[in-house]
PDB file of N, CA and C in Angstrom:
ATOM      1  N   UNK A   1      10.206  -0.525  10.566  1.00  0.00           N
ATOM      2  CA  UNK A   1       9.813   0.553  10.078  1.00  0.00           C
ATOM      3  C   UNK A   1       8.513   0.221   9.022  1.00  0.00           C
ATOM      4  N   UNK A   2       7.599   0.953   9.208  1.00  0.00           N
ATOM      5  CA  UNK A   2       6.357   0.812   8.348  1.00  0.00           C
ATOM      6  C   UNK A   2       6.632   1.134   6.838  1.00  0.00           C
ATOM      7  N   UNK A   3       6.013   0.438   6.169  1.00  0.00           N
ATOM      8  CA  UNK A   3       6.197   0.512   4.717  1.00  0.00           C
ATOM      9  C   UNK A   3       5.967   1.964   4.178  1.00  0.00           C
ATOM     10  N   UNK A   4       4.897   2.654   4.590  1.00  0.00           N
ATOM     11  CA  UNK A   4       4.585   3.856   4.154  1.00  0.00           C
ATOM     12  C   UNK A   4       5.636   4.802   4.450  1.00  0.00           C
ATOM     13  N   UNK A   5       6.251   4.691   5.681  1.00  0.00           N
ATOM     14  CA  UNK A   5       7.185   5.795   6.226  1.00  0.00           C
ATOM     15  C   UNK A   5       8.559   5.541   5.392  1.00  0.00           C
ATOM     16  N   UNK A   6       8.892   4.176   5.025  1.00  0.00           N
ATOM     17  CA  UNK A   6       9.951   3.775   4.284  1.00  0.00           C
ATOM     18  C   UNK A   6       9.903   4.480   2.908  1.00  0.00           C
ATOM     19  N   UNK A   7       8.702   4.253   2.290  1.00  0.00           N
ATOM     20  CA  UNK A   7       8.557   4.720   0.816  1.00  0.00           C
ATOM     21  C   UNK A   7       8.715   6.297   0.835  1.00  0.00           C
ATOM     22  N   UNK A   8       8.144   6.834   1.750  1.00  0.00           N
ATOM     23  CA  UNK A   8       8.054   8.460   1.850  1.00  0.00           C
ATOM     24  C   UNK A   8       9.578   8.904   1.956  1.00  0.00           C
ATOM     25  N   UNK A   9      10.432   8.213   2.996  1.00  0.00           N
ATOM     26  CA  UNK A   9      11.709   8.492   3.038  1.00  0.00           C
ATOM     27  C   UNK A   9      12.519   8.270   1.905  1.00  0.00           C
ATOM     28  N   UNK A  10      12.242   7.097   1.151  1.00  0.00           N
ATOM     29  CA  UNK A  10      13.081   7.014  -0.054  1.00  0.00           C
ATOM     30  C   UNK A  10      12.752   8.057  -1.109  1.00  0.00           C
ATOM     31  N   UNK A  11      11.407   8.390  -1.327  1.00  0.00           N
ATOM     32  CA  UNK A  11      11.045   9.388  -2.221  1.00  0.00           C
ATOM     33  C   UNK A  11      11.635  10.670  -1.907  1.00  0.00           C
ATOM     34  N   UNK A  12      11.658  11.090  -0.526  1.00  0.00           N
ATOM     35  CA  UNK A  12      12.186  12.347  -0.355  1.00  0.00           C
ATOM     36  C   UNK A  12      13.586  12.289  -0.487  1.00  0.00           C
ATOM     37  N   UNK A  13      14.415  11.360  -0.252  1.00  0.00           N
ATOM     38  CA  UNK A  13      15.808  11.186  -0.453  1.00  0.00           C
ATOM     39  C   UNK A  13      16.104  11.306  -2.034  1.00  0.00           C
ATOM     40  N   UNK A  14      15.331  10.668  -2.889  1.00  0.00           N
ATOM     41  CA  UNK A  14      15.371  10.680  -4.353  1.00  0.00           C
ATOM     42  C   UNK A  14      15.195  12.124  -4.738  1.00  0.00           C
ATOM     43  N   UNK A  15      14.086  12.606  -4.340  1.00  0.00           N
ATOM     44  CA  UNK A  15      13.826  13.989  -4.668  1.00  0.00           C
ATOM     45  C   UNK A  15      14.883  15.003  -4.348  1.00  0.00           C
ATOM     46  N   UNK A  16      15.290  15.059  -3.067  1.00  0.00           N
ATOM     47  CA  UNK A  16      16.273  16.065  -2.634  1.00  0.00           C
ATOM     48  C   UNK A  16      17.568  15.688  -3.417  1.00  0.00           C
ATOM     49  N   UNK A  17      18.097  14.545  -3.606  1.00  0.00           N
ATOM     50  CA  UNK A  17      19.254  14.229  -4.396  1.00  0.00           C
ATOM     51  C   UNK A  17      19.241  14.766  -5.853  1.00  0.00           C
ATOM     52  N   UNK A  18      18.016  14.468  -6.362  1.00  0.00           N
ATOM     53  CA  UNK A  18      17.789  15.008  -7.912  1.00  0.00           C
ATOM     54  C   UNK A  18      17.834  16.383  -7.850  1.00  0.00           C
ATOM     55  N   UNK A  19      17.137  17.117  -7.014  1.00  0.00           N
ATOM     56  CA  UNK A  19      17.131  18.588  -7.143  1.00  0.00           C
ATOM     57  C   UNK A  19      18.513  19.257  -6.851  1.00  0.00           C
ATOM     58  N   UNK A  20      19.224  18.544  -5.806  1.00  0.00           N
ATOM     59  CA  UNK A  20      20.485  19.244  -5.460  1.00  0.00           C
ATOM     60  C   UNK A  20      21.480  19.009  -6.589  1.00  0.00           C
ATOM     61  N   UNK A  21      21.503  17.760  -7.133  1.00  0.00           N
ATOM     62  CA  UNK A  21      22.269  17.441  -8.320  1.00  0.00           C
ATOM     63  C   UNK A  21      22.115  18.383  -9.524  1.00  0.00           C
ATOM     64  N   UNK A  22      20.793  18.477  -9.912  1.00  0.00           N
ATOM     65  CA  UNK A  22      20.433  19.550 -10.906  1.00  0.00           C
ATOM     66  C   UNK A  22      20.907  20.985 -10.706  1.00  0.00           C
ATOM     67  N   UNK A  23      20.647  21.363  -9.458  1.00  0.00           N
ATOM     68  CA  UNK A  23      20.812  22.731  -9.093  1.00  0.00           C
ATOM     69  C   UNK A  23      22.341  23.077  -9.029  1.00  0.00           C
ATOM     70  N   UNK A  24      23.069  22.131  -8.713  1.00  0.00           N
ATOM     71  CA  UNK A  24      24.612  22.516  -8.749  1.00  0.00           C
ATOM     72  C   UNK A  24      25.299  21.975  -9.954  1.00  0.00           C
ATOM     73  N   UNK A  25      24.504  21.568 -10.903  1.00  0.00           N
ATOM     74  CA  UNK A  25      25.140  21.019 -12.120  1.00  0.00           C
ATOM     75  C   UNK A  25      25.610  22.287 -12.979  1.00  0.00           C
ATOM     76  N   UNK A  26      26.562  22.185 -13.706  1.00  0.00           N
ATOM     77  CA  UNK A  26      27.029  23.212 -14.494  1.00  0.00           C
ATOM     78  C   UNK A  26      26.422  23.362 -15.905  1.00  0.00           C
ATOM     79  N   UNK A  27      25.036  23.545 -15.968  1.00  0.00           N
ATOM     80  CA  UNK A  27      24.426  23.560 -17.138  1.00  0.00           C
ATOM     81  C   UNK A  27      23.710  24.951 -17.290  1.00  0.00           C
ATOM     82  N   UNK A  28      23.564  25.323 -18.462  1.00  0.00           N
ATOM     83  CA  UNK A  28      22.719  26.602 -18.507  1.00  0.00           C
ATOM     84  C   UNK A  28      21.357  26.498 -18.135  1.00  0.00           C
ATOM     85  N   UNK A  29      20.724  27.539 -18.055  1.00  0.00           N
ATOM     86  CA  UNK A  29      19.413  27.668 -17.347  1.00  0.00           C
ATOM     87  C   UNK A  29      18.282  26.752 -18.115  1.00  0.00           C
ATOM     88  N   UNK A  30      18.217  27.035 -19.451  1.00  0.00           N
ATOM     89  CA  UNK A  30      17.268  26.143 -20.183  1.00  0.00           C
ATOM     90  C   UNK A  30      17.309  24.626 -20.067  1.00  0.00           C
ATOM     91  N   UNK A  31      18.541  24.190 -20.109  1.00  0.00           N
ATOM     92  CA  UNK A  31      18.923  22.856 -19.814  1.00  0.00           C
ATOM     93  C   UNK A  31      18.679  22.342 -18.582  1.00  0.00           C
ATOM     94  N   UNK A  32      18.855  23.111 -17.509  1.00  0.00           N
ATOM     95  CA  UNK A  32      18.627  22.828 -16.062  1.00  0.00           C
ATOM     96  C   UNK A  32      17.183  22.793 -15.921  1.00  0.00           C
ATOM     97  N   UNK A  33      16.356  23.729 -16.457  1.00  0.00           N
ATOM     98  CA  UNK A  33      14.905  23.730 -16.267  1.00  0.00           C
ATOM     99  C   UNK A  33      14.354  22.387 -16.819  1.00  0.00           C
ATOM    100  N   UNK A  34      14.827  22.112 -18.037  1.00  0.00           N
ATOM    101  CA  UNK A  34      14.504  20.840 -18.700  1.00  0.00           C
ATOM    102  C   UNK A  34      14.643  19.533 -18.020  1.00  0.00           C
ATOM    103  N   UNK A  35      15.841  19.525 -17.219  1.00  0.00           N
ATOM    104  CA  UNK A  35      16.274  18.486 -16.396  1.00  0.00           C
ATOM    105  C   UNK A  35      15.423  18.311 -15.180  1.00  0.00           C
ATOM    106  N   UNK A  36      14.917  19.439 -14.575  1.00  0.00           N
ATOM    107  CA  UNK A  36      14.139  19.636 -13.444  1.00  0.00           C
ATOM    108  C   UNK A  36      12.834  19.112 -13.792  1.00  0.00           C
ATOM    109  N   UNK A  37      12.333  19.519 -14.977  1.00  0.00           N
ATOM    110  CA  UNK A  37      11.072  19.072 -15.520  1.00  0.00           C
ATOM    111  C   UNK A  37      10.990  17.554 -15.687  1.00  0.00           C
ATOM    112  N   UNK A  38      12.094  16.975 -16.315  1.00  0.00           N
ATOM    113  CA  UNK A  38      12.285  15.654 -16.520  1.00  0.00           C
ATOM    114  C   UNK A  38      12.160  14.704 -15.114  1.00  0.00           C
ATOM    115  N   UNK A  39      12.965  15.365 -14.118  1.00  0.00           N
ATOM    116  CA  UNK A  39      13.107  14.714 -12.832  1.00  0.00           C
ATOM    117  C   UNK A  39      11.627  14.864 -12.344  1.00  0.00           C
ATOM    118  N   UNK A  40      11.045  15.836 -12.458  1.00  0.00           N
ATOM    119  CA  UNK A  40       9.623  15.969 -11.821  1.00  0.00           C
ATOM    120  C   UNK A  40       8.660  14.914 -12.370  1.00  0.00           C
ATOM    121  N   UNK A  41       8.850  14.836 -13.697  1.00  0.00           N
ATOM    122  CA  UNK A  41       7.890  13.784 -14.292  1.00  0.00           C
ATOM    123  C   UNK A  41       8.426  12.308 -13.774  1.00  0.00           C
ATOM    124  N   UNK A  42       9.673  12.059 -13.741  1.00  0.00           N
ATOM    125  CA  UNK A  42      10.047  10.806 -13.013  1.00  0.00           C
ATOM    126  C   UNK A  42       9.559  10.680 -11.691  1.00  0.00           C
ATOM    127  N   UNK A  43       9.805  11.508 -10.809  1.00  0.00           N
ATOM    128  CA  UNK A  43       9.165  11.509  -9.424  1.00  0.00           C
ATOM    129  C   UNK A  43       7.636  11.317  -9.344  1.00  0.00           C
ATOM    130  N   UNK A  44       7.012  11.963 -10.336  1.00  0.00           N
ATOM    131  CA  UNK A  44       5.554  11.680 -10.394  1.00  0.00           C
ATOM    132  C   UNK A  44       5.173  10.392 -10.860  1.00  0.00           C
ATOM    133  N   UNK A  45       5.814   9.748 -11.741  1.00  0.00           N
ATOM    134  CA  UNK A  45       5.646   8.497 -12.318  1.00  0.00           C
ATOM    135  C   UNK A  45       6.112   7.386 -11.055  1.00  0.00           C
ATOM    136  N   UNK A  46       7.084   7.785 -10.432  1.00  0.00           N
ATOM    137  CA  UNK A  46       7.481   6.821  -9.441  1.00  0.00           C
ATOM    138  C   UNK A  46       6.546   6.861  -8.192  1.00  0.00           C
ATOM    139  N   UNK A  47       6.013   8.057  -7.936  1.00  0.00           N
ATOM    140  CA  UNK A  47       4.933   8.313  -7.058  1.00  0.00           C
ATOM    141  C   UNK A  47       3.614   7.536  -7.213  1.00  0.00           C
ATOM    142  N   UNK A  48       3.275   7.668  -8.597  1.00  0.00           N
ATOM    143  CA  UNK A  48       2.112   7.021  -8.941  1.00  0.00           C
ATOM    144  C   UNK A  48       2.166   5.359  -8.853  1.00  0.00           C
ATOM    145  N   UNK A  49       3.358   4.944  -9.324  1.00  0.00           N
ATOM    146  CA  UNK A  49       3.736   3.549  -9.148  1.00  0.00           C
ATOM    147  C   UNK A  49       3.475   3.005  -7.695  1.00  0.00           C
ATOM    148  N   UNK A  50       4.235   3.792  -6.805  1.00  0.00           N
ATOM    149  CA  UNK A  50       4.162   3.442  -5.464  1.00  0.00           C
ATOM    150  C   UNK A  50       2.738   3.417  -4.903  1.00  0.00           C
ATOM    151  N   UNK A  51       1.943   4.441  -5.226  1.00  0.00           N
ATOM    152  CA  UNK A  51       0.539   4.501  -4.783  1.00  0.00           C
ATOM    153  C   UNK A  51      -0.180   3.426  -5.247  1.00  0.00           C
ATOM    154  N   UNK A  52       0.079   3.039  -6.575  1.00  0.00           N
ATOM    155  CA  UNK A  52      -0.696   1.830  -7.161  1.00  0.00           C
ATOM    156  C   UNK A  52      -0.230   0.589  -6.343  1.00  0.00           C
ATOM    157  N   UNK A  53       0.996   0.504  -6.097  1.00  0.00           N
ATOM    158  CA  UNK A  53       1.447  -0.711  -5.391  1.00  0.00           C
ATOM    159  C   UNK A  53       0.842  -0.854  -3.992  1.00  0.00           C
ATOM    160  N   UNK A  54       0.756   0.385  -3.362  1.00  0.00           N
ATOM    161  CA  UNK A  54       0.208   0.528  -1.974  1.00  0.00           C
ATOM    162  C   UNK A  54      -1.403   0.048  -1.926  1.00  0.00           C
ATOM    163  N   UNK A  55      -2.074   0.554  -3.079  1.00  0.00           N
ATOM    164  CA  UNK A  55      -3.499   0.265  -3.183  1.00  0.00           C
ATOM    165  C   UNK A  55      -3.701  -1.214  -3.421  1.00  0.00           C
ATOM    166  N   UNK A  56      -2.795  -1.791  -4.272  1.00  0.00           N
ATOM    167  CA  UNK A  56      -2.909  -3.097  -4.585  1.00  0.00           C
ATOM    168  C   UNK A  56      -2.509  -3.988  -3.328  1.00  0.00           C
ATOM    169  N   UNK A  57      -1.609  -3.533  -2.510  1.00  0.00           N
ATOM    170  CA  UNK A  57      -1.250  -4.319  -1.265  1.00  0.00           C
ATOM    171  C   UNK A  57      -2.386  -4.100  -0.255  1.00  0.00           C
ATOM    172  N   UNK A  58      -3.049  -3.065  -0.169  1.00  0.00           N
ATOM    173  CA  UNK A  58      -4.043  -2.925   0.785  1.00  0.00           C
ATOM    174  C   UNK A  58      -5.372  -3.630   0.324  1.00  0.00           C
ATOM    175  N   UNK A  59      -5.579  -3.767  -1.003  1.00  0.00           N
ATOM    176  CA  UNK A  59      -6.899  -4.485  -1.411  1.00  0.00           C
ATOM    177  C   UNK A  59      -6.595  -5.910  -1.125  1.00  0.00           C
ATOM    178  N   UNK A  60      -5.254  -6.423  -1.482  1.00  0.00           N
ATOM    179  CA  UNK A  60      -5.069  -7.760  -1.125  1.00  0.00           C
ATOM    180  C   UNK A  60      -5.132  -8.095   0.361  1.00  0.00           C
ATOM    181  N   UNK A  61      -4.670  -7.304   1.279  1.00  0.00           N
ATOM    182  CA  UNK A  61      -4.856  -7.533   2.748  1.00  0.00           C
ATOM    183  C   UNK A  61      -6.350  -7.336   3.128  1.00  0.00           C
ATOM    184  N   UNK A  62      -7.012  -6.498   2.463  1.00  0.00           N
ATOM    185  CA  UNK A  62      -8.350  -6.363   2.780  1.00  0.00           C
ATOM    186  C   UNK A  62      -9.246  -7.658   2.376  1.00  0.00           C
ATOM    187  N   UNK A  63      -8.866  -8.336   1.229  1.00  0.00           N
ATOM    188  CA  UNK A  63      -9.527  -9.457   0.797  1.00  0.00           C
ATOM    189  C   UNK A  63      -9.049 -10.614   1.592  1.00  0.00           C
ATOM    190  N   UNK A  64      -7.915 -10.793   1.972  1.00  0.00           N
ATOM    191  CA  UNK A  64      -7.390 -11.867   2.858  1.00  0.00           C
ATOM    192  C   UNK A  64      -8.165 -11.772   4.248  1.00  0.00           C
ATOM    193  N   UNK A  65      -8.165 -10.531   4.755  1.00  0.00           N
ATOM    194  CA  UNK A  65      -8.908 -10.522   6.115  1.00  0.00           C
ATOM    195  C   UNK A  65     -10.377 -10.699   5.989  1.00  0.00           C
ATOM    196  N   UNK A  66     -11.044 -10.289   4.741  1.00  0.00           N
ATOM    197  CA  UNK A  66     -12.376 -10.517   4.573  1.00  0.00           C
ATOM    198  C   UNK A  66     -12.707 -12.065   4.432  1.00  0.00           C
ATOM    199  N   UNK A  67     -11.755 -12.803   3.862  1.00  0.00           N
ATOM    200  CA  UNK A  67     -11.866 -14.152   3.763  1.00  0.00           C
ATOM    201  C   UNK A  67     -11.802 -14.804   5.114  1.00  0.00           C
ATOM    202  N   UNK A  68     -10.758 -14.517   5.860  1.00  0.00           N
ATOM    203  CA  UNK A  68     -10.703 -14.934   7.137  1.00  0.00           C
ATOM    204  C   UNK A  68     -11.857 -14.815   7.950  1.00  0.00           C
ATOM    205  N   UNK A  69     -12.503 -13.705   7.942  1.00  0.00           N
ATOM    206  CA  UNK A  69     -13.531 -13.278   8.746  1.00  0.00           C
ATOM    207  C   UNK A  69     -14.831 -14.327   8.247  1.00  0.00           C
ATOM    208  N   UNK A  70     -14.982 -14.411   6.878  1.00  0.00           N
ATOM    209  CA  UNK A  70     -15.942 -15.099   6.376  1.00  0.00           C
ATOM    210  C   UNK A  70     -15.895 -16.645   6.985  1.00  0.00           C
ATOM    211  N   UNK A  71     -14.638 -17.149   6.942  1.00  0.00           N
ATOM    212  CA  UNK A  71     -14.314 -18.523   7.561  1.00  0.00           C
ATOM    213  C   UNK A  71     -14.713 -18.653   9.013  1.00  0.00           C
ATOM    214  N   UNK A  72     -14.287 -17.589   9.773  1.00  0.00           N
ATOM    215  CA  UNK A  72     -14.567 -17.650  11.134  1.00  0.00           C
ATOM    216  C   UNK A  72     -16.034 -17.591  11.397  1.00  0.00           C
ATOM    217  N   UNK A  73     -16.759 -16.755  10.655  1.00  0.00           N
ATOM    218  CA  UNK A  73     -18.282 -16.694  10.872  1.00  0.00           C
ATOM    219  C   UNK A  73     -18.857 -17.957  10.521  1.00  0.00           C
ATOM    220  N   UNK A  74     -18.463 -18.595   9.440  1.00  0.00           N
ATOM    221  CA  UNK A  74     -19.014 -19.789   9.092  1.00  0.00           C
ATOM    222  C   UNK A  74     -18.814 -21.000  10.035  1.00  0.00           C
ATOM    223  N   UNK A  75     -17.508 -20.977  10.646  1.00  0.00           N
ATOM    224  CA  UNK A  75     -17.283 -21.747  11.796  1.00  0.00           C
ATOM    225  C   UNK A  75     -18.136 -21.591  12.991  1.00  0.00           C
ATOM    226  N   UNK A  76     -18.324 -20.349  13.342  1.00  0.00           N
ATOM    227  CA  UNK A  76     -19.055 -19.907  14.352  1.00  0.00           C
ATOM    228  C   UNK A  76     -20.589 -20.356  14.152  1.00  0.00           C
ATOM    229  N   UNK A  77     -21.116 -20.169  12.950  1.00  0.00           N
ATOM    230  CA  UNK A  77     -22.340 -20.676  12.803  1.00  0.00           C
ATOM    231  C   UNK A  77     -22.501 -22.169  12.792  1.00  0.00           C
ATOM    232  N   UNK A  78     -21.624 -22.880  12.352  1.00  0.00           N
ATOM    233  CA  UNK A  78     -21.604 -24.301  12.405  1.00  0.00           C
ATOM    234  C   UNK A  78     -21.511 -24.735  13.731  1.00  0.00           C
ATOM    235  N   UNK A  79     -20.818 -24.152  14.644  1.00  0.00           N
ATOM    236  CA  UNK A  79     -20.770 -24.529  16.212  1.00  0.00           C
ATOM    237  C   UNK A  79     -21.987 -24.183  16.747  1.00  0.00           C
ATOM    238  N   UNK A  80     -22.583 -23.086  16.418  1.00  0.00           N
ATOM    239  CA  UNK A  80     -23.822 -22.702  17.120  1.00  0.00           C
ATOM    240  C   UNK A  80     -25.104 -23.784  16.569  1.00  0.00           C
ATOM    241  N   UNK A  81     -25.025 -24.014  15.341  1.00  0.00           N
ATOM    242  CA  UNK A  81     -25.921 -25.101  14.932  1.00  0.00           C
ATOM    243  C   UNK A  81     -25.866 -26.433  15.611  1.00  0.00           C
ATOM    244  N   UNK A  82     -24.594 -26.803  15.795  1.00  0.00           N
ATOM    245  CA  UNK A  82     -24.332 -28.161  16.435  1.00  0.00           C
ATOM    246  C   UNK A  82     -24.734 -27.966  17.962  1.00  0.00           C
ATOM    247  N   UNK A  83     -24.450 -26.863  18.569  1.00  0.00           N
ATOM    248  CA  UNK A  83     -24.855 -26.725  19.928  1.00  0.00           C
ATOM    249  C   UNK A  83     -26.376 -26.640  20.132  1.00  0.00           C
ATOM    250  N   UNK A  84     -27.063 -26.071  19.103  1.00  0.00           N
ATOM    251  CA  UNK A  84     -28.625 -26.041  19.136  1.00  0.00           C
ATOM    252  C   UNK A  84     -29.113 -27.441  18.906  1.00  0.00           C
ATOM    253  N   UNK A  85     -28.476 -28.121  18.000  1.00  0.00           N
ATOM    254  CA  UNK A  85     -29.020 -29.567  17.833  1.00  0.00           C
ATOM    255  C   UNK A  85     -28.699 -30.316  19.129  1.00  0.00           C
ATOM    256  N   UNK A  86     -27.652 -30.156  19.722  1.00  0.00           N
ATOM    257  CA  UNK A  86     -27.381 -30.893  21.033  1.00  0.00           C
ATOM    258  C   UNK A  86     -28.442 -30.621  22.158  1.00  0.00           C
ATOM    259  N   UNK A  87     -28.687 -29.257  22.279  1.00  0.00           N
ATOM    260  CA  UNK A  87     -29.705 -28.766  23.327  1.00  0.00           C
ATOM    261  C   UNK A  87     -31.060 -29.324  22.915  1.00  0.00           C
ATOM    262  N   UNK A  88     -31.401 -29.528  21.697  1.00  0.00           N
ATOM    263  CA  UNK A  88     -32.707 -30.055  21.201  1.00  0.00           C
ATOM    264  C   UNK A  88     -32.685 -31.427  21.675  1.00  0.00           C
ATOM    265  N   UNK A  89     -31.724 -32.092  21.343  1.00  0.00           N
ATOM    266  CA  UNK A  89     -31.757 -33.594  21.607  1.00  0.00           C
ATOM    267  C   UNK A  89     -31.794 -33.905  23.073  1.00  0.00           C
ATOM    268  N   UNK A  90     -31.217 -32.993  23.847  1.00  0.00           N
ATOM    269  CA  UNK A  90     -31.004 -33.123  25.418  1.00  0.00           C
ATOM    270  C   UNK A  90     -32.449 -32.907  25.954  1.00  0.00           C
ATOM    271  N   UNK A  91     -33.157 -31.988  25.318  1.00  0.00           N
ATOM    272  CA  UNK A  91     -34.506 -31.707  25.936  1.00  0.00           C
ATOM    273  C   UNK A  91     -35.622 -32.623  25.429  1.00  0.00           C
ATOM    274  N   UNK A  92     -35.321 -33.400  24.486  1.00  0.00           N
ATOM    275  CA  UNK A  92     -36.480 -34.217  23.934  1.00  0.00           C
ATOM    276  C   UNK A  92     -36.585 -35.312  24.869  1.00  0.00           C
TER     277      UNK A  92
END
């Protein structure tokens, strides 16, 4: 399962559970509204944390891939230089 799909599923489950729990709780309206507001803030904070984790993860993957590409390009240039030197020596 992809990480993004899993995170969305978890967040949806948390949200649904929290809302159902609050809506069926035997509290008066003002307390229920306050609880919904608090859960909304918690959800928002959790979502922000997950987003930041996702961005950090993608940044790390991008940097790792960039480094691998730079290494491959360097090796390719070295191989090309070596081949050019061998061709020059062979034609001299």
